[in-house]
């Protein structure tokens, strides 16, 4: 690693994973279960927003988080000079 320690790399990695897991939890459990009643007052593409988050939104968010994680890890790997060839 160039000038940066492995410990810093893993701290950054764990921080990224923790952040993405919190976002996923908020969207899937918070919007899909806890806040479903207030969100159902809002309509989104003809569906109640709470229902949409429970059925579709959490899945779409998860897919976006996967893409973002892959992009972020590639950037982090380049920064710490541990990218795969």
PDB file of N, CA and C in Angstrom:
ATOM      1  N   UNK A   1       0.848  -1.187   0.000  1.00  0.00           N
ATOM      2  CA  UNK A   1       0.000   0.000   0.000  1.00  0.00           C
ATOM      3  C   UNK A   1       0.885   1.238   0.000  1.00  0.00           C
ATOM      4  N   UNK A   2       0.469   2.231  -0.777  1.00  0.00           N
ATOM      5  CA  UNK A   2       1.298   3.422  -0.839  1.00  0.00           C
ATOM      6  C   UNK A   2       0.950   4.414   0.257  1.00  0.00           C
ATOM      7  N   UNK A   3       1.774   4.445   1.239  1.00  0.00           N
ATOM      8  CA  UNK A   3       1.691   5.467   2.266  1.00  0.00           C
ATOM      9  C   UNK A   3       0.509   5.357   3.215  1.00  0.00           C
ATOM     10  N   UNK A   4      -0.401   4.476   2.951  1.00  0.00           N
ATOM     11  CA  UNK A   4      -1.567   4.354   3.818  1.00  0.00           C
ATOM     12  C   UNK A   4      -1.611   2.935   4.351  1.00  0.00           C
ATOM     13  N   UNK A   5      -2.020   2.801   5.561  1.00  0.00           N
ATOM     14  CA  UNK A   5      -1.955   1.497   6.205  1.00  0.00           C
ATOM     15  C   UNK A   5      -3.172   0.634   5.861  1.00  0.00           C
ATOM     16  N   UNK A   6      -2.990  -0.641   6.082  1.00  0.00           N
ATOM     17  CA  UNK A   6      -4.097  -1.581   5.873  1.00  0.00           C
ATOM     18  C   UNK A   6      -5.241  -1.294   6.832  1.00  0.00           C
ATOM     19  N   UNK A   7      -4.875  -0.842   8.017  1.00  0.00           N
ATOM     20  CA  UNK A   7      -5.907  -0.533   9.004  1.00  0.00           C
ATOM     21  C   UNK A   7      -6.808   0.607   8.509  1.00  0.00           C
ATOM     22  N   UNK A   8      -6.223   1.622   7.887  1.00  0.00           N
ATOM     23  CA  UNK A   8      -7.021   2.716   7.327  1.00  0.00           C
ATOM     24  C   UNK A   8      -7.928   2.215   6.209  1.00  0.00           C
ATOM     25  N   UNK A   9      -7.402   1.302   5.396  1.00  0.00           N
ATOM     26  CA  UNK A   9      -8.187   0.726   4.297  1.00  0.00           C
ATOM     27  C   UNK A   9      -9.413  -0.006   4.849  1.00  0.00           C
ATOM     28  N   UNK A  10      -9.203  -0.835   5.865  1.00  0.00           N
ATOM     29  CA  UNK A  10     -10.316  -1.596   6.421  1.00  0.00           C
ATOM     30  C   UNK A  10     -11.290  -0.710   7.181  1.00  0.00           C
ATOM     31  N   UNK A  11     -10.802   0.341   7.807  1.00  0.00           N
ATOM     32  CA  UNK A  11     -11.716   1.287   8.459  1.00  0.00           C
ATOM     33  C   UNK A  11     -12.623   1.936   7.424  1.00  0.00           C
ATOM     34  N   UNK A  12     -12.042   2.345   6.304  1.00  0.00           N
ATOM     35  CA  UNK A  12     -12.833   2.951   5.232  1.00  0.00           C
ATOM     36  C   UNK A  12     -13.822   1.941   4.658  1.00  0.00           C
ATOM     37  N   UNK A  13     -13.391   0.707   4.503  1.00  0.00           N
ATOM     38  CA  UNK A  13     -14.250  -0.347   3.970  1.00  0.00           C
ATOM     39  C   UNK A  13     -15.423  -0.610   4.907  1.00  0.00           C
ATOM     40  N   UNK A  14     -15.147  -0.769   6.182  1.00  0.00           N
ATOM     41  CA  UNK A  14     -16.210  -1.042   7.158  1.00  0.00           C
ATOM     42  C   UNK A  14     -17.149   0.153   7.282  1.00  0.00           C
ATOM     43  N   UNK A  15     -16.619   1.364   7.223  1.00  0.00           N
ATOM     44  CA  UNK A  15     -17.459   2.562   7.285  1.00  0.00           C
ATOM     45  C   UNK A  15     -18.412   2.612   6.094  1.00  0.00           C
ATOM     46  N   UNK A  16     -17.921   2.272   4.905  1.00  0.00           N
ATOM     47  CA  UNK A  16     -18.764   2.236   3.705  1.00  0.00           C
ATOM     48  C   UNK A  16     -19.860   1.185   3.851  1.00  0.00           C
ATOM     49  N   UNK A  17     -19.489  -0.008   4.285  1.00  0.00           N
ATOM     50  CA  UNK A  17     -20.470  -1.082   4.450  1.00  0.00           C
ATOM     51  C   UNK A  17     -21.520  -0.702   5.491  1.00  0.00           C
ATOM     52  N   UNK A  18     -21.090  -0.148   6.615  1.00  0.00           N
ATOM     53  CA  UNK A  18     -22.032   0.246   7.671  1.00  0.00           C
ATOM     54  C   UNK A  18     -22.999   1.317   7.174  1.00  0.00           C
ATOM     55  N   UNK A  19     -22.482   2.280   6.430  1.00  0.00           N
ATOM     56  CA  UNK A  19     -23.341   3.341   5.892  1.00  0.00           C
ATOM     57  C   UNK A  19     -24.385   2.769   4.947  1.00  0.00           C
ATOM     58  N   UNK A  20     -23.962   1.895   4.053  1.00  0.00           N
ATOM     59  CA  UNK A  20     -24.900   1.317   3.095  1.00  0.00           C
ATOM     60  C   UNK A  20     -25.922   0.417   3.782  1.00  0.00           C
ATOM     61  N   UNK A  21     -25.511  -0.304   4.820  1.00  0.00           N
ATOM     62  CA  UNK A  21     -26.468  -1.127   5.561  1.00  0.00           C
ATOM     63  C   UNK A  21     -27.497  -0.283   6.304  1.00  0.00           C
ATOM     64  N   UNK A  22     -27.072   0.848   6.828  1.00  0.00           N
ATOM     65  CA  UNK A  22     -28.017   1.745   7.502  1.00  0.00           C
ATOM     66  C   UNK A  22     -29.032   2.292   6.502  1.00  0.00           C
ATOM     67  N   UNK A  23     -28.552   2.691   5.329  1.00  0.00           N
ATOM     68  CA  UNK A  23     -29.472   3.185   4.287  1.00  0.00           C
ATOM     69  C   UNK A  23     -30.462   2.092   3.899  1.00  0.00           C
ATOM     70  N   UNK A  24     -29.954   0.878   3.697  1.00  0.00           N
ATOM     71  CA  UNK A  24     -30.831  -0.228   3.319  1.00  0.00           C
ATOM     72  C   UNK A  24     -31.855  -0.513   4.410  1.00  0.00           C
ATOM     73  N   UNK A  25     -31.446  -0.479   5.672  1.00  0.00           N
ATOM     74  CA  UNK A  25     -32.362  -0.710   6.779  1.00  0.00           C
ATOM     75  C   UNK A  25     -33.441   0.362   6.821  1.00  0.00           C
ATOM     76  N   UNK A  26     -33.051   1.614   6.671  1.00  0.00           N
ATOM     77  CA  UNK A  26     -34.023   2.712   6.716  1.00  0.00           C
ATOM     78  C   UNK A  26     -35.054   2.562   5.603  1.00  0.00           C
ATOM     79  N   UNK A  27     -34.578   2.241   4.400  1.00  0.00           N
ATOM     80  CA  UNK A  27     -35.503   2.121   3.273  1.00  0.00           C
ATOM     81  C   UNK A  27     -36.396   0.891   3.417  1.00  0.00           C
ATOM     82  N   UNK A  28     -35.799  -0.259   3.721  1.00  0.00           N
ATOM     83  CA  UNK A  28     -36.601  -1.478   3.739  1.00  0.00           C
ATOM     84  C   UNK A  28     -37.479  -1.598   4.977  1.00  0.00           C
ATOM     85  N   UNK A  29     -36.928  -1.372   6.151  1.00  0.00           N
ATOM     86  CA  UNK A  29     -37.710  -1.533   7.366  1.00  0.00           C
ATOM     87  C   UNK A  29     -38.428  -0.232   7.748  1.00  0.00           C
ATOM     88  N   UNK A  30     -37.702   0.871   7.673  1.00  0.00           N
ATOM     89  CA  UNK A  30     -38.305   2.150   8.065  1.00  0.00           C
ATOM     90  C   UNK A  30     -39.442   2.564   7.150  1.00  0.00           C
ATOM     91  N   UNK A  31     -39.171   2.643   5.842  1.00  0.00           N
ATOM     92  CA  UNK A  31     -40.198   3.083   4.900  1.00  0.00           C
ATOM     93  C   UNK A  31     -41.209   1.982   4.601  1.00  0.00           C
ATOM     94  N   UNK A  32     -40.760   0.735   4.571  1.00  0.00           N
ATOM     95  CA  UNK A  32     -41.650  -0.364   4.200  1.00  0.00           C
ATOM     96  C   UNK A  32     -42.500  -0.904   5.326  1.00  0.00           C
ATOM     97  N   UNK A  33     -42.105  -0.665   6.587  1.00  0.00           N
ATOM     98  CA  UNK A  33     -42.852  -1.225   7.719  1.00  0.00           C
ATOM     99  C   UNK A  33     -43.281  -0.129   8.703  1.00  0.00           C
ATOM    100  N   UNK A  34     -42.319   0.606   9.247  1.00  0.00           N
ATOM    101  CA  UNK A  34     -42.636   1.564  10.303  1.00  0.00           C
ATOM    102  C   UNK A  34     -43.405   2.783   9.808  1.00  0.00           C
ATOM    103  N   UNK A  35     -43.024   3.312   8.673  1.00  0.00           N
ATOM    104  CA  UNK A  35     -43.648   4.540   8.166  1.00  0.00           C
ATOM    105  C   UNK A  35     -44.636   4.284   7.038  1.00  0.00           C
ATOM    106  N   UNK A  36     -45.148   3.059   6.952  1.00  0.00           N
ATOM    107  CA  UNK A  36     -46.004   2.711   5.820  1.00  0.00           C
ATOM    108  C   UNK A  36     -47.306   3.514   5.817  1.00  0.00           C
ATOM    109  N   UNK A  37     -47.908   3.720   6.965  1.00  0.00           N
ATOM    110  CA  UNK A  37     -49.191   4.449   7.017  1.00  0.00           C
ATOM    111  C   UNK A  37     -49.053   5.904   6.554  1.00  0.00           C
ATOM    112  N   UNK A  38     -48.086   6.678   7.094  1.00  0.00           N
ATOM    113  CA  UNK A  38     -47.959   8.060   6.594  1.00  0.00           C
ATOM    114  C   UNK A  38     -47.574   8.111   5.112  1.00  0.00           C
ATOM    115  N   UNK A  39     -46.742   7.173   4.662  1.00  0.00           N
ATOM    116  CA  UNK A  39     -46.331   7.181   3.260  1.00  0.00           C
ATOM    117  C   UNK A  39     -47.459   6.761   2.324  1.00  0.00           C
ATOM    118  N   UNK A  40     -48.420   6.010   2.821  1.00  0.00           N
ATOM    119  CA  UNK A  40     -49.535   5.588   1.976  1.00  0.00           C
ATOM    120  C   UNK A  40     -50.432   6.754   1.574  1.00  0.00           C
ATOM    121  N   UNK A  41     -50.303   7.890   2.245  1.00  0.00           N
ATOM    122  CA  UNK A  41     -51.066   9.082   1.863  1.00  0.00           C
ATOM    123  C   UNK A  41     -50.544   9.684   0.564  1.00  0.00           C
ATOM    124  N   UNK A  42     -49.339   9.304   0.175  1.00  0.00           N
ATOM    125  CA  UNK A  42     -48.711   9.815  -1.052  1.00  0.00           C
ATOM    126  C   UNK A  42     -48.798   8.733  -2.122  1.00  0.00           C
ATOM    127  N   UNK A  43     -49.189   9.125  -3.317  1.00  0.00           N
ATOM    128  CA  UNK A  43     -49.282   8.166  -4.423  1.00  0.00           C
ATOM    129  C   UNK A  43     -48.075   8.309  -5.343  1.00  0.00           C
ATOM    130  N   UNK A  44     -47.560   7.176  -5.798  1.00  0.00           N
ATOM    131  CA  UNK A  44     -46.354   7.126  -6.635  1.00  0.00           C
ATOM    132  C   UNK A  44     -46.614   6.128  -7.754  1.00  0.00           C
ATOM    133  N   UNK A  45     -46.656   6.602  -8.990  1.00  0.00           N
ATOM    134  CA  UNK A  45     -46.958   5.760 -10.153  1.00  0.00           C
ATOM    135  C   UNK A  45     -48.259   4.976  -9.969  1.00  0.00           C
ATOM    136  N   UNK A  46     -49.242   5.604  -9.341  1.00  0.00           N
ATOM    137  CA  UNK A  46     -50.535   4.972  -9.149  1.00  0.00           C
ATOM    138  C   UNK A  46     -50.635   4.074  -7.930  1.00  0.00           C
ATOM    139  N   UNK A  47     -49.560   3.903  -7.182  1.00  0.00           N
ATOM    140  CA  UNK A  47     -49.560   3.061  -5.986  1.00  0.00           C
ATOM    141  C   UNK A  47     -49.337   3.937  -4.762  1.00  0.00           C
ATOM    142  N   UNK A  48     -49.788   3.444  -3.626  1.00  0.00           N
ATOM    143  CA  UNK A  48     -49.489   4.130  -2.375  1.00  0.00           C
ATOM    144  C   UNK A  48     -47.991   3.981  -2.123  1.00  0.00           C
ATOM    145  N   UNK A  49     -47.339   5.065  -1.700  1.00  0.00           N
ATOM    146  CA  UNK A  49     -45.890   5.083  -1.562  1.00  0.00           C
ATOM    147  C   UNK A  49     -45.384   4.074  -0.532  1.00  0.00           C
ATOM    148  N   UNK A  50     -46.078   3.894   0.575  1.00  0.00           N
ATOM    149  CA  UNK A  50     -45.665   2.907   1.569  1.00  0.00           C
ATOM    150  C   UNK A  50     -45.695   1.501   1.003  1.00  0.00           C
ATOM    151  N   UNK A  51     -46.744   1.182   0.266  1.00  0.00           N
ATOM    152  CA  UNK A  51     -46.849  -0.127  -0.381  1.00  0.00           C
ATOM    153  C   UNK A  51     -45.740  -0.292  -1.411  1.00  0.00           C
ATOM    154  N   UNK A  52     -45.468   0.774  -2.178  1.00  0.00           N
ATOM    155  CA  UNK A  52     -44.434   0.696  -3.213  1.00  0.00           C
ATOM    156  C   UNK A  52     -43.066   0.432  -2.596  1.00  0.00           C
ATOM    157  N   UNK A  53     -42.743   1.113  -1.495  1.00  0.00           N
ATOM    158  CA  UNK A  53     -41.459   0.869  -0.831  1.00  0.00           C
ATOM    159  C   UNK A  53     -41.373  -0.565  -0.320  1.00  0.00           C
ATOM    160  N   UNK A  54     -42.449  -1.076   0.232  1.00  0.00           N
ATOM    161  CA  UNK A  54     -42.429  -2.433   0.763  1.00  0.00           C
ATOM    162  C   UNK A  54     -42.281  -3.465  -0.354  1.00  0.00           C
ATOM    163  N   UNK A  55     -42.859  -3.215  -1.507  1.00  0.00           N
ATOM    164  CA  UNK A  55     -42.867  -4.208  -2.578  1.00  0.00           C
ATOM    165  C   UNK A  55     -41.765  -4.001  -3.616  1.00  0.00           C
ATOM    166  N   UNK A  56     -41.471  -2.772  -3.968  1.00  0.00           N
ATOM    167  CA  UNK A  56     -40.535  -2.490  -5.058  1.00  0.00           C
ATOM    168  C   UNK A  56     -39.355  -1.621  -4.642  1.00  0.00           C
ATOM    169  N   UNK A  57     -39.630  -0.583  -3.891  1.00  0.00           N
ATOM    170  CA  UNK A  57     -38.611   0.416  -3.565  1.00  0.00           C
ATOM    171  C   UNK A  57     -37.407  -0.143  -2.838  1.00  0.00           C
ATOM    172  N   UNK A  58     -37.633  -1.052  -1.905  1.00  0.00           N
ATOM    173  CA  UNK A  58     -36.510  -1.636  -1.168  1.00  0.00           C
ATOM    174  C   UNK A  58     -35.619  -2.452  -2.096  1.00  0.00           C
ATOM    175  N   UNK A  59     -36.217  -3.143  -3.045  1.00  0.00           N
ATOM    176  CA  UNK A  59     -35.436  -3.942  -3.997  1.00  0.00           C
ATOM    177  C   UNK A  59     -34.622  -3.029  -4.907  1.00  0.00           C
ATOM    178  N   UNK A  60     -35.258  -1.986  -5.449  1.00  0.00           N
ATOM    179  CA  UNK A  60     -34.528  -1.050  -6.313  1.00  0.00           C
ATOM    180  C   UNK A  60     -33.402  -0.361  -5.549  1.00  0.00           C
ATOM    181  N   UNK A  61     -33.675   0.025  -4.320  1.00  0.00           N
ATOM    182  CA  UNK A  61     -32.648   0.665  -3.500  1.00  0.00           C
ATOM    183  C   UNK A  61     -31.486  -0.284  -3.269  1.00  0.00           C
ATOM    184  N   UNK A  62     -31.788  -1.560  -2.996  1.00  0.00           N
ATOM    185  CA  UNK A  62     -30.744  -2.555  -2.784  1.00  0.00           C
ATOM    186  C   UNK A  62     -29.873  -2.691  -4.033  1.00  0.00           C
ATOM    187  N   UNK A  63     -30.472  -2.715  -5.206  1.00  0.00           N
ATOM    188  CA  UNK A  63     -29.700  -2.817  -6.448  1.00  0.00           C
ATOM    189  C   UNK A  63     -28.807  -1.590  -6.660  1.00  0.00           C
ATOM    190  N   UNK A  64     -29.330  -0.423  -6.367  1.00  0.00           N
ATOM    191  CA  UNK A  64     -28.529   0.802  -6.485  1.00  0.00           C
ATOM    192  C   UNK A  64     -27.373   0.775  -5.487  1.00  0.00           C
ATOM    193  N   UNK A  65     -27.628   0.286  -4.279  1.00  0.00           N
ATOM    194  CA  UNK A  65     -26.568   0.198  -3.277  1.00  0.00           C
ATOM    195  C   UNK A  65     -25.472  -0.779  -3.696  1.00  0.00           C
ATOM    196  N   UNK A  66     -25.830  -1.865  -4.358  1.00  0.00           N
ATOM    197  CA  UNK A  66     -24.834  -2.821  -4.848  1.00  0.00           C
ATOM    198  C   UNK A  66     -23.929  -2.161  -5.879  1.00  0.00           C
ATOM    199  N   UNK A  67     -24.515  -1.446  -6.825  1.00  0.00           N
ATOM    200  CA  UNK A  67     -23.730  -0.756  -7.857  1.00  0.00           C
ATOM    201  C   UNK A  67     -22.838   0.301  -7.211  1.00  0.00           C
ATOM    202  N   UNK A  68     -23.398   1.067  -6.266  1.00  0.00           N
ATOM    203  CA  UNK A  68     -22.617   2.099  -5.595  1.00  0.00           C
ATOM    204  C   UNK A  68     -21.472   1.485  -4.794  1.00  0.00           C
ATOM    205  N   UNK A  69     -21.723   0.348  -4.135  1.00  0.00           N
ATOM    206  CA  UNK A  69     -20.676  -0.317  -3.368  1.00  0.00           C
ATOM    207  C   UNK A  69     -19.534  -0.765  -4.281  1.00  0.00           C
ATOM    208  N   UNK A  70     -19.863  -1.369  -5.416  1.00  0.00           N
ATOM    209  CA  UNK A  70     -18.827  -1.822  -6.351  1.00  0.00           C
ATOM    210  C   UNK A  70     -18.005  -0.643  -6.855  1.00  0.00           C
ATOM    211  N   UNK A  71     -18.675   0.447  -7.201  1.00  0.00           N
ATOM    212  CA  UNK A  71     -17.971   1.636  -7.689  1.00  0.00           C
ATOM    213  C   UNK A  71     -17.086   2.226  -6.584  1.00  0.00           C
ATOM    214  N   UNK A  72     -17.637   2.316  -5.366  1.00  0.00           N
ATOM    215  CA  UNK A  72     -16.876   2.881  -4.246  1.00  0.00           C
ATOM    216  C   UNK A  72     -15.676   2.018  -3.876  1.00  0.00           C
ATOM    217  N   UNK A  73     -15.843   0.702  -3.901  1.00  0.00           N
ATOM    218  CA  UNK A  73     -14.727  -0.181  -3.558  1.00  0.00           C
ATOM    219  C   UNK A  73     -13.635  -0.124  -4.616  1.00  0.00           C
ATOM    220  N   UNK A  74     -14.004  -0.004  -5.879  1.00  0.00           N
ATOM    221  CA  UNK A  74     -12.986   0.156  -6.927  1.00  0.00           C
ATOM    222  C   UNK A  74     -12.193   1.441  -6.711  1.00  0.00           C
ATOM    223  N   UNK A  75     -12.885   2.496  -6.357  1.00  0.00           N
ATOM    224  CA  UNK A  75     -12.213   3.771  -6.081  1.00  0.00           C
ATOM    225  C   UNK A  75     -11.323   3.661  -4.845  1.00  0.00           C
ATOM    226  N   UNK A  76     -11.825   3.018  -3.803  1.00  0.00           N
ATOM    227  CA  UNK A  76     -11.052   2.827  -2.571  1.00  0.00           C
ATOM    228  C   UNK A  76      -9.832   1.946  -2.823  1.00  0.00           C
ATOM    229  N   UNK A  77     -10.002   0.901  -3.619  1.00  0.00           N
ATOM    230  CA  UNK A  77      -8.875   0.023  -3.956  1.00  0.00           C
ATOM    231  C   UNK A  77      -7.780   0.785  -4.711  1.00  0.00           C
ATOM    232  N   UNK A  78      -8.188   1.650  -5.632  1.00  0.00           N
ATOM    233  CA  UNK A  78      -7.192   2.460  -6.355  1.00  0.00           C
ATOM    234  C   UNK A  78      -6.491   3.421  -5.410  1.00  0.00           C
ATOM    235  N   UNK A  79      -7.235   4.014  -4.499  1.00  0.00           N
ATOM    236  CA  UNK A  79      -6.664   4.963  -3.552  1.00  0.00           C
ATOM    237  C   UNK A  79      -5.601   4.312  -2.667  1.00  0.00           C
ATOM    238  N   UNK A  80      -5.864   3.080  -2.245  1.00  0.00           N
ATOM    239  CA  UNK A  80      -4.933   2.367  -1.359  1.00  0.00           C
ATOM    240  C   UNK A  80      -4.016   1.420  -2.113  1.00  0.00           C
ATOM    241  N   UNK A  81      -4.073   1.474  -3.410  1.00  0.00           N
ATOM    242  CA  UNK A  81      -3.184   0.688  -4.286  1.00  0.00           C
ATOM    243  C   UNK A  81      -3.309  -0.824  -4.029  1.00  0.00           C
ATOM    244  N   UNK A  82      -4.538  -1.304  -3.965  1.00  0.00           N
ATOM    245  CA  UNK A  82      -4.784  -2.731  -3.793  1.00  0.00           C
ATOM    246  C   UNK A  82      -5.738  -3.270  -4.864  1.00  0.00           C
ATOM    247  N   UNK A  83      -5.872  -2.536  -5.982  1.00  0.00           N
ATOM    248  CA  UNK A  83      -6.809  -2.970  -7.009  1.00  0.00           C
ATOM    249  C   UNK A  83      -6.315  -4.240  -7.696  1.00  0.00           C
ATOM    250  N   UNK A  84      -7.279  -4.997  -8.203  1.00  0.00           N
ATOM    251  CA  UNK A  84      -6.941  -6.226  -8.922  1.00  0.00           C
ATOM    252  C   UNK A  84      -6.552  -5.884 -10.348  1.00  0.00           C
ATOM    253  N   UNK A  85      -5.687  -6.684 -10.905  1.00  0.00           N
ATOM    254  CA  UNK A  85      -5.227  -6.434 -12.279  1.00  0.00           C
ATOM    255  C   UNK A  85      -6.066  -7.192 -13.269  1.00  0.00           C
TER     256      UNK A  85
END
